[in-house]
Amino acid sequence: MFSVAGCGSLADQDLVRCLAPENRSRMVAAAEALAVAAPAADGTHVVVGKKVLTLAEWRKQRADDFDRTCLALPVPAGGGGGGDSSPWIAAIFALLAAIVGAIMTAATTGFLAGAGRRRLAADQVTGLAEALHTAAGAYLAGWRGQGDKQDPDSVVAAARRLDGALRAIEVEHRQWVLASDLRAALETFPITDGLRLQARTPAEQAAILADTEERTDRLVRGTRRLAGAMRRPERHPLHLRRPLPD
């Protein structure tokens, strides 16, 4: 037979105090503040998973969580089991626990929302960099006789879209200097300024095409580095301030 009083490491007086009817709401509020259980609608039961449990049932199923909450519950003035404590003291403790829980919830929600925005921005800027790489590759291949010659307007449009996404990152995260470095590289991107290959010798054309291809690759590598830092900034702190790689 399973005995509630026999599980865990609580002293009998603590167990009696935490299961006392007058302390149920305080226990529920404390459990919410410690993020070990959610409060039920009536304020005297807890929700674990999808089940609404009494405190005794919670003790049976999650003894460690119950014991942790019980030990964290302040002992009322006088050290008794809680029956002689003033109602306003219990109300203050419950209010403080609720405030702490609300602050923790808000902080967690804000952190998750910020992380989600960074991931979306990272995915967007990566996709736009890949699109620029594809458009520039097709344009360069045309000049090398490896395909039809492409209109540079598609490359210019892809560069402008990437610049817009980088600008948004630059505004929201001013300390991320790499976004500014990438924008500076786009400003002098050869295709957007016009390669002017017609008047060049074959050797000069080959040199210009090779240089443009390398600069395109550098833009993509830099954008991937920025995106990686945005997804996991705690793992890539230097990438946020590192200049465009050579």
C-alpha atoms as a PDB file:
ATOM      1  CA  MET A   1       0.000   0.000   0.000  1.00  0.00           C
ATOM      2  CA  PHE A   2       1.361   3.425  -0.966  1.00  0.00           C
ATOM      3  CA  SER A   3       1.521   5.883   1.919  1.00  0.00           C
ATOM      4  CA  VAL A   4       1.615   9.629   1.344  1.00  0.00           C
ATOM      5  CA  ALA A   5       3.308  10.286   4.659  1.00  0.00           C
ATOM      6  CA  GLY A   6       5.982   7.764   3.870  1.00  0.00           C
ATOM      7  CA  CYS A   7       7.328   9.149   0.586  1.00  0.00           C
ATOM      8  CA  GLY A   8       9.936  11.858   0.132  1.00  0.00           C
ATOM      9  CA  SER A   9      12.046  13.504   2.806  1.00  0.00           C
ATOM     10  CA  LEU A  10       9.580  15.938   4.390  1.00  0.00           C
ATOM     11  CA  ALA A  11       9.148  16.067   8.138  1.00  0.00           C
ATOM     12  CA  ASP A  12       5.646  15.203   9.313  1.00  0.00           C
ATOM     13  CA  GLN A  13       5.003  18.766  10.466  1.00  0.00           C
ATOM     14  CA  ASP A  14       5.946  20.131   7.010  1.00  0.00           C
ATOM     15  CA  LEU A  15       3.686  17.631   5.271  1.00  0.00           C
ATOM     16  CA  VAL A  16       0.766  18.508   7.554  1.00  0.00           C
ATOM     17  CA  ARG A  17       1.389  22.218   7.032  1.00  0.00           C
ATOM     18  CA  CYS A  18       1.555  21.967   3.241  1.00  0.00           C
ATOM     19  CA  LEU A  19      -1.551  19.793   2.954  1.00  0.00           C
ATOM     20  CA  ALA A  20      -3.582  21.927   5.391  1.00  0.00           C
ATOM     21  CA  PRO A  21      -6.717  23.381   3.706  1.00  0.00           C
ATOM     22  CA  GLU A  22      -5.739  26.941   4.631  1.00  0.00           C
ATOM     23  CA  ASN A  23      -2.398  26.549   2.853  1.00  0.00           C
ATOM     24  CA  ARG A  24      -3.622  24.996  -0.405  1.00  0.00           C
ATOM     25  CA  SER A  25      -3.784  28.235  -2.348  1.00  0.00           C
ATOM     26  CA  ARG A  26      -0.307  29.177  -1.111  1.00  0.00           C
ATOM     27  CA  MET A  27       1.065  25.811  -2.206  1.00  0.00           C
ATOM     28  CA  VAL A  28      -0.510  26.204  -5.649  1.00  0.00           C
ATOM     29  CA  ALA A  29       0.894  29.721  -6.024  1.00  0.00           C
ATOM     30  CA  ALA A  30       4.333  28.551  -4.898  1.00  0.00           C
ATOM     31  CA  ALA A  31       4.232  25.647  -7.373  1.00  0.00           C
ATOM     32  CA  GLU A  32       3.443  28.082 -10.176  1.00  0.00           C
ATOM     33  CA  ALA A  33       6.279  30.401  -9.107  1.00  0.00           C
ATOM     34  CA  LEU A  34       8.729  27.483  -9.140  1.00  0.00           C
ATOM     35  CA  ALA A  35       7.348  26.349 -12.520  1.00  0.00           C
ATOM     36  CA  VAL A  36       6.797  22.783 -11.283  1.00  0.00           C
ATOM     37  CA  ALA A  37       3.008  22.796 -11.767  1.00  0.00           C
ATOM     38  CA  ALA A  38       0.304  25.058 -13.148  1.00  0.00           C
ATOM     39  CA  PRO A  39      -2.646  26.313 -11.081  1.00  0.00           C
ATOM     40  CA  ALA A  40      -6.119  24.929 -11.701  1.00  0.00           C
ATOM     41  CA  ALA A  41      -9.055  27.287 -12.083  1.00  0.00           C
ATOM     42  CA  ASP A  42     -10.141  26.975  -8.431  1.00  0.00           C
ATOM     43  CA  GLY A  43      -6.704  27.952  -7.128  1.00  0.00           C
ATOM     44  CA  THR A  44      -6.472  24.964  -4.764  1.00  0.00           C
ATOM     45  CA  HIS A  45      -5.599  22.247  -7.287  1.00  0.00           C
ATOM     46  CA  VAL A  46      -2.617  21.907  -9.609  1.00  0.00           C
ATOM     47  CA  VAL A  47      -2.425  20.916 -13.259  1.00  0.00           C
ATOM     48  CA  VAL A  48       0.304  18.452 -14.210  1.00  0.00           C
ATOM     49  CA  GLY A  49       0.349  17.493 -17.870  1.00  0.00           C
ATOM     50  CA  LYS A  50      -3.344  17.682 -18.627  1.00  0.00           C
ATOM     51  CA  LYS A  51      -4.559  16.331 -15.274  1.00  0.00           C
ATOM     52  CA  VAL A  52      -6.078  18.369 -12.464  1.00  0.00           C
ATOM     53  CA  LEU A  53      -4.763  16.966  -9.186  1.00  0.00           C
ATOM     54  CA  THR A  54      -5.332  17.583  -5.510  1.00  0.00           C
ATOM     55  CA  LEU A  55      -2.208  18.362  -3.536  1.00  0.00           C
ATOM     56  CA  ALA A  56      -2.250  14.847  -2.083  1.00  0.00           C
ATOM     57  CA  GLU A  57      -2.511  13.314  -5.563  1.00  0.00           C
ATOM     58  CA  TRP A  58       0.289  15.573  -6.790  1.00  0.00           C
ATOM     59  CA  ARG A  59       2.394  14.404  -3.819  1.00  0.00           C
ATOM     60  CA  LYS A  60       1.837  10.790  -4.865  1.00  0.00           C
ATOM     61  CA  GLN A  61       2.708  11.359  -8.533  1.00  0.00           C
ATOM     62  CA  ARG A  62       5.448  13.984  -8.249  1.00  0.00           C
ATOM     63  CA  ALA A  63       6.903  13.684  -4.764  1.00  0.00           C
ATOM     64  CA  ASP A  64      10.097  15.589  -5.569  1.00  0.00           C
ATOM     65  CA  ASP A  65       8.215  18.572  -7.010  1.00  0.00           C
ATOM     66  CA  PHE A  66       5.778  18.595  -4.098  1.00  0.00           C
ATOM     67  CA  ASP A  67       8.555  18.377  -1.502  1.00  0.00           C
ATOM     68  CA  ARG A  68      10.522  21.149  -3.198  1.00  0.00           C
ATOM     69  CA  THR A  69       7.463  23.420  -3.191  1.00  0.00           C
ATOM     70  CA  CYS A  70       6.578  22.576   0.390  1.00  0.00           C
ATOM     71  CA  LEU A  71      10.092  23.295   1.641  1.00  0.00           C
ATOM     72  CA  ALA A  72      10.078  26.611  -0.235  1.00  0.00           C
ATOM     73  CA  LEU A  73       6.752  27.628   1.343  1.00  0.00           C
ATOM     74  CA  PRO A  74       7.456  30.155   4.119  1.00  0.00           C
ATOM     75  CA  VAL A  75       6.492  28.996   7.620  1.00  0.00           C
ATOM     76  CA  PRO A  76       3.905  31.389   9.084  1.00  0.00           C
ATOM     77  CA  ALA A  77       4.883  33.530  12.057  1.00  0.00           C
ATOM     78  CA  GLY A  78       4.929  31.367  15.186  1.00  0.00           C
ATOM     79  CA  GLY A  79       6.195  28.276  13.285  1.00  0.00           C
ATOM     80  CA  GLY A  80       2.924  26.366  13.527  1.00  0.00           C
ATOM     81  CA  GLY A  81       1.135  24.305  10.963  1.00  0.00           C
ATOM     82  CA  GLY A  82      -0.502  27.353   9.443  1.00  0.00           C
ATOM     83  CA  GLY A  83      -3.870  27.293  11.219  1.00  0.00           C
ATOM     84  CA  ASP A  84      -3.032  30.201  13.504  1.00  0.00           C
ATOM     85  CA  SER A  85      -1.470  32.434  10.842  1.00  0.00           C
ATOM     86  CA  SER A  86      -3.103  35.684   9.888  1.00  0.00           C
ATOM     87  CA  PRO A  87      -5.068  35.529   6.605  1.00  0.00           C
ATOM     88  CA  TRP A  88      -3.422  38.701   5.322  1.00  0.00           C
ATOM     89  CA  ILE A  89       0.049  37.146   5.689  1.00  0.00           C
ATOM     90  CA  ALA A  90      -1.032  34.182   3.592  1.00  0.00           C
ATOM     91  CA  ALA A  91      -2.521  36.559   1.056  1.00  0.00           C
ATOM     92  CA  ILE A  92       0.756  38.505   0.821  1.00  0.00           C
ATOM     93  CA  PHE A  93       2.753  35.336   0.247  1.00  0.00           C
ATOM     94  CA  ALA A  94       0.302  34.199  -2.421  1.00  0.00           C
ATOM     95  CA  LEU A  95       0.451  37.613  -4.097  1.00  0.00           C
ATOM     96  CA  LEU A  96       4.257  37.639  -4.073  1.00  0.00           C
ATOM     97  CA  ALA A  97       4.360  34.152  -5.524  1.00  0.00           C
ATOM     98  CA  ALA A  98       1.928  35.184  -8.252  1.00  0.00           C
ATOM     99  CA  ILE A  99       4.003  38.272  -9.062  1.00  0.00           C
ATOM    100  CA  VAL A 100       7.194  36.221  -9.288  1.00  0.00           C
ATOM    101  CA  GLY A 101       5.435  33.709 -11.516  1.00  0.00           C
ATOM    102  CA  ALA A 102       4.141  36.456 -13.788  1.00  0.00           C
ATOM    103  CA  ILE A 103       7.597  38.022 -14.087  1.00  0.00           C
ATOM    104  CA  MET A 104       9.164  34.664 -14.933  1.00  0.00           C
ATOM    105  CA  THR A 105       6.473  33.957 -17.510  1.00  0.00           C
ATOM    106  CA  ALA A 106       6.873  37.379 -19.124  1.00  0.00           C
ATOM    107  CA  ALA A 107      10.647  37.041 -19.244  1.00  0.00           C
ATOM    108  CA  THR A 108      10.453  33.584 -20.783  1.00  0.00           C
ATOM    109  CA  THR A 109       7.851  34.691 -23.308  1.00  0.00           C
ATOM    110  CA  GLY A 110       9.928  37.722 -24.311  1.00  0.00           C
ATOM    111  CA  PHE A 111      13.057  35.633 -24.719  1.00  0.00           C
ATOM    112  CA  LEU A 112      11.293  33.039 -26.872  1.00  0.00           C
ATOM    113  CA  ALA A 113       9.657  35.738 -29.002  1.00  0.00           C
ATOM    114  CA  GLY A 114      13.018  37.444 -29.590  1.00  0.00           C
ATOM    115  CA  ALA A 115      14.661  34.146 -30.484  1.00  0.00           C
ATOM    116  CA  GLY A 116      11.849  33.412 -32.928  1.00  0.00           C
ATOM    117  CA  ARG A 117      12.262  36.777 -34.646  1.00  0.00           C
ATOM    118  CA  ARG A 118      16.002  36.244 -34.962  1.00  0.00           C
ATOM    119  CA  ARG A 119      15.522  32.799 -36.522  1.00  0.00           C
ATOM    120  CA  LEU A 120      13.031  34.156 -39.059  1.00  0.00           C
ATOM    121  CA  ALA A 121      15.359  37.043 -39.962  1.00  0.00           C
ATOM    122  CA  ALA A 122      18.278  34.613 -40.263  1.00  0.00           C
ATOM    123  CA  ASP A 123      16.295  32.348 -42.601  1.00  0.00           C
ATOM    124  CA  GLN A 124      15.223  35.330 -44.705  1.00  0.00           C
ATOM    125  CA  VAL A 125      18.679  36.860 -45.087  1.00  0.00           C
ATOM    126  CA  THR A 126      20.187  33.451 -45.916  1.00  0.00           C
ATOM    127  CA  GLY A 127      17.596  32.852 -48.618  1.00  0.00           C
ATOM    128  CA  LEU A 128      18.161  36.282 -50.135  1.00  0.00           C
ATOM    129  CA  ALA A 129      21.939  35.767 -50.184  1.00  0.00           C
ATOM    130  CA  GLU A 130      21.476  32.432 -51.956  1.00  0.00           C
ATOM    131  CA  ALA A 131      19.175  34.125 -54.472  1.00  0.00           C
ATOM    132  CA  LEU A 132      21.848  36.761 -55.172  1.00  0.00           C
ATOM    133  CA  HIS A 133      24.443  34.019 -55.587  1.00  0.00           C
ATOM    134  CA  THR A 134      22.226  32.218 -58.099  1.00  0.00           C
ATOM    135  CA  ALA A 135      21.446  35.371 -60.105  1.00  0.00           C
ATOM    136  CA  ALA A 136      25.085  36.502 -60.172  1.00  0.00           C
ATOM    137  CA  GLY A 137      26.224  32.985 -61.112  1.00  0.00           C
ATOM    138  CA  ALA A 138      23.884  32.885 -64.093  1.00  0.00           C
ATOM    139  CA  TYR A 139      25.026  36.346 -65.189  1.00  0.00           C
ATOM    140  CA  LEU A 140      28.713  35.414 -64.975  1.00  0.00           C
ATOM    141  CA  ALA A 141      28.128  32.084 -66.723  1.00  0.00           C
ATOM    142  CA  GLY A 142      26.576  33.946 -69.656  1.00  0.00           C
ATOM    143  CA  TRP A 143      29.685  36.076 -70.086  1.00  0.00           C
ATOM    144  CA  ARG A 144      31.845  32.977 -69.939  1.00  0.00           C
ATOM    145  CA  GLY A 145      29.882  31.378 -72.750  1.00  0.00           C
ATOM    146  CA  GLN A 146      28.418  28.746 -70.438  1.00  0.00           C
ATOM    147  CA  GLY A 147      24.846  29.816 -71.012  1.00  0.00           C
ATOM    148  CA  ASP A 148      22.632  32.583 -72.312  1.00  0.00           C
ATOM    149  CA  LYS A 149      23.654  36.080 -71.318  1.00  0.00           C
ATOM    150  CA  GLN A 150      21.457  37.366 -68.523  1.00  0.00           C
ATOM    151  CA  ASP A 151      20.115  40.837 -67.868  1.00  0.00           C
ATOM    152  CA  PRO A 152      21.992  42.386 -64.906  1.00  0.00           C
ATOM    153  CA  ASP A 153      18.706  43.821 -63.609  1.00  0.00           C
ATOM    154  CA  SER A 154      17.913  40.499 -61.897  1.00  0.00           C
ATOM    155  CA  VAL A 155      21.225  40.664 -60.040  1.00  0.00           C
ATOM    156  CA  VAL A 156      20.641  44.290 -59.046  1.00  0.00           C
ATOM    157  CA  ALA A 157      17.146  43.438 -57.753  1.00  0.00           C
ATOM    158  CA  ALA A 158      18.485  40.487 -55.727  1.00  0.00           C
ATOM    159  CA  ALA A 159      21.204  42.697 -54.230  1.00  0.00           C
ATOM    160  CA  ARG A 160      18.662  45.348 -53.247  1.00  0.00           C
ATOM    161  CA  ARG A 161      16.441  42.777 -51.525  1.00  0.00           C
ATOM    162  CA  LEU A 162      19.405  41.430 -49.563  1.00  0.00           C
ATOM    163  CA  ASP A 163      20.448  44.962 -48.627  1.00  0.00           C
ATOM    164  CA  GLY A 164      16.950  45.682 -47.306  1.00  0.00           C
ATOM    165  CA  ALA A 165      17.001  42.613 -45.066  1.00  0.00           C
ATOM    166  CA  LEU A 166      20.472  43.490 -43.791  1.00  0.00           C
ATOM    167  CA  ARG A 167      19.333  47.044 -43.101  1.00  0.00           C
ATOM    168  CA  ALA A 168      16.479  45.733 -40.918  1.00  0.00           C
ATOM    169  CA  ILE A 169      18.973  43.647 -38.927  1.00  0.00           C
ATOM    170  CA  GLU A 170      21.342  46.597 -38.674  1.00  0.00           C
ATOM    171  CA  VAL A 171      18.601  48.832 -37.220  1.00  0.00           C
ATOM    172  CA  GLU A 172      17.362  46.291 -34.663  1.00  0.00           C
ATOM    173  CA  HIS A 173      20.806  45.056 -33.619  1.00  0.00           C
ATOM    174  CA  ARG A 174      23.195  47.987 -33.869  1.00  0.00           C
ATOM    175  CA  GLN A 175      26.023  46.076 -32.210  1.00  0.00           C
ATOM    176  CA  TRP A 176      26.067  43.491 -35.011  1.00  0.00           C
ATOM    177  CA  VAL A 177      28.730  45.176 -37.106  1.00  0.00           C
ATOM    178  CA  LEU A 178      28.856  42.289 -39.582  1.00  0.00           C
ATOM    179  CA  ALA A 179      25.484  43.370 -41.022  1.00  0.00           C
ATOM    180  CA  SER A 180      26.958  46.818 -41.744  1.00  0.00           C
ATOM    181  CA  ASP A 181      30.058  45.254 -43.301  1.00  0.00           C
ATOM    182  CA  LEU A 182      27.908  43.170 -45.625  1.00  0.00           C
ATOM    183  CA  ARG A 183      25.898  46.226 -46.660  1.00  0.00           C
ATOM    184  CA  ALA A 184      29.121  48.093 -47.411  1.00  0.00           C
ATOM    185  CA  ALA A 185      30.251  45.195 -49.601  1.00  0.00           C
ATOM    186  CA  LEU A 186      26.944  45.323 -51.478  1.00  0.00           C
ATOM    187  CA  GLU A 187      27.371  49.030 -52.182  1.00  0.00           C
ATOM    188  CA  THR A 188      30.481  48.287 -54.265  1.00  0.00           C
ATOM    189  CA  PHE A 189      29.274  44.982 -55.689  1.00  0.00           C
ATOM    190  CA  PRO A 190      30.589  44.981 -59.297  1.00  0.00           C
ATOM    191  CA  ILE A 191      27.428  43.910 -61.100  1.00  0.00           C
ATOM    192  CA  THR A 192      25.290  46.547 -59.394  1.00  0.00           C
ATOM    193  CA  ASP A 193      27.781  49.187 -60.536  1.00  0.00           C
ATOM    194  CA  GLY A 194      28.044  47.689 -64.013  1.00  0.00           C
ATOM    195  CA  LEU A 195      30.887  45.413 -65.046  1.00  0.00           C
ATOM    196  CA  ARG A 196      31.498  47.225 -68.369  1.00  0.00           C
ATOM    197  CA  LEU A 197      32.961  44.101 -69.904  1.00  0.00           C
ATOM    198  CA  GLN A 198      32.370  44.985 -73.544  1.00  0.00           C
ATOM    199  CA  ALA A 199      35.485  47.127 -73.916  1.00  0.00           C
ATOM    200  CA  ARG A 200      37.790  44.735 -72.071  1.00  0.00           C
ATOM    201  CA  THR A 201      40.266  42.265 -73.462  1.00  0.00           C
ATOM    202  CA  PRO A 202      39.511  38.563 -72.909  1.00  0.00           C
ATOM    203  CA  ALA A 203      42.130  38.429 -70.150  1.00  0.00           C
ATOM    204  CA  GLU A 204      40.676  41.481 -68.428  1.00  0.00           C
ATOM    205  CA  GLN A 205      37.172  40.038 -68.714  1.00  0.00           C
ATOM    206  CA  ALA A 206      38.307  36.759 -67.150  1.00  0.00           C
ATOM    207  CA  ALA A 207      39.959  38.625 -64.278  1.00  0.00           C
ATOM    208  CA  ILE A 208      36.850  40.754 -63.650  1.00  0.00           C
ATOM    209  CA  LEU A 209      34.567  37.722 -63.743  1.00  0.00           C
ATOM    210  CA  ALA A 210      36.802  35.788 -61.329  1.00  0.00           C
ATOM    211  CA  ASP A 211      36.944  38.735 -58.922  1.00  0.00           C
ATOM    212  CA  THR A 212      33.170  39.190 -59.055  1.00  0.00           C
ATOM    213  CA  GLU A 213      32.609  35.499 -58.419  1.00  0.00           C
ATOM    214  CA  GLU A 214      34.899  35.590 -55.373  1.00  0.00           C
ATOM    215  CA  ARG A 215      33.166  38.681 -53.991  1.00  0.00           C
ATOM    216  CA  THR A 216      29.810  36.989 -54.436  1.00  0.00           C
ATOM    217  CA  ASP A 217      31.060  33.953 -52.520  1.00  0.00           C
ATOM    218  CA  ARG A 218      32.369  36.210 -49.749  1.00  0.00           C
ATOM    219  CA  LEU A 219      28.969  37.872 -49.435  1.00  0.00           C
ATOM    220  CA  VAL A 220      27.262  34.507 -49.104  1.00  0.00           C
ATOM    221  CA  ARG A 221      29.809  33.264 -46.542  1.00  0.00           C
ATOM    222  CA  GLY A 222      29.472  36.455 -44.525  1.00  0.00           C
ATOM    223  CA  THR A 223      25.676  36.255 -44.609  1.00  0.00           C
ATOM    224  CA  ARG A 224      25.747  32.638 -43.455  1.00  0.00           C
ATOM    225  CA  ARG A 225      28.033  33.623 -40.599  1.00  0.00           C
ATOM    226  CA  LEU A 226      25.661  36.402 -39.595  1.00  0.00           C
ATOM    227  CA  ALA A 227      22.669  34.047 -39.800  1.00  0.00           C
ATOM    228  CA  GLY A 228      24.441  31.503 -37.598  1.00  0.00           C
ATOM    229  CA  ALA A 229      25.152  34.176 -35.012  1.00  0.00           C
ATOM    230  CA  MET A 230      21.524  35.302 -35.088  1.00  0.00           C
ATOM    231  CA  ARG A 231      20.246  31.774 -34.504  1.00  0.00           C
ATOM    232  CA  ARG A 232      22.649  31.025 -31.636  1.00  0.00           C
ATOM    233  CA  PRO A 233      24.236  34.305 -30.449  1.00  0.00           C
ATOM    234  CA  GLU A 234      25.556  32.675 -27.280  1.00  0.00           C
ATOM    235  CA  ARG A 235      27.732  30.356 -29.384  1.00  0.00           C
ATOM    236  CA  HIS A 236      29.007  32.956 -31.845  1.00  0.00           C
ATOM    237  CA  PRO A 237      29.671  36.175 -29.899  1.00  0.00           C
ATOM    238  CA  LEU A 238      32.653  37.176 -32.031  1.00  0.00           C
ATOM    239  CA  HIS A 239      30.749  36.774 -35.281  1.00  0.00           C
ATOM    240  CA  LEU A 240      28.536  39.704 -34.340  1.00  0.00           C
ATOM    241  CA  ARG A 241      31.459  42.117 -34.465  1.00  0.00           C
ATOM    242  CA  ARG A 242      33.842  40.396 -36.871  1.00  0.00           C
ATOM    243  CA  PRO A 243      34.475  42.177 -40.190  1.00  0.00           C
ATOM    244  CA  LEU A 244      33.663  40.595 -43.519  1.00  0.00           C
ATOM    245  CA  PRO A 245      35.979  37.572 -43.907  1.00  0.00           C
ATOM    246  CA  ASP A 246      38.629  37.552 -46.560  1.00  0.00           C
END
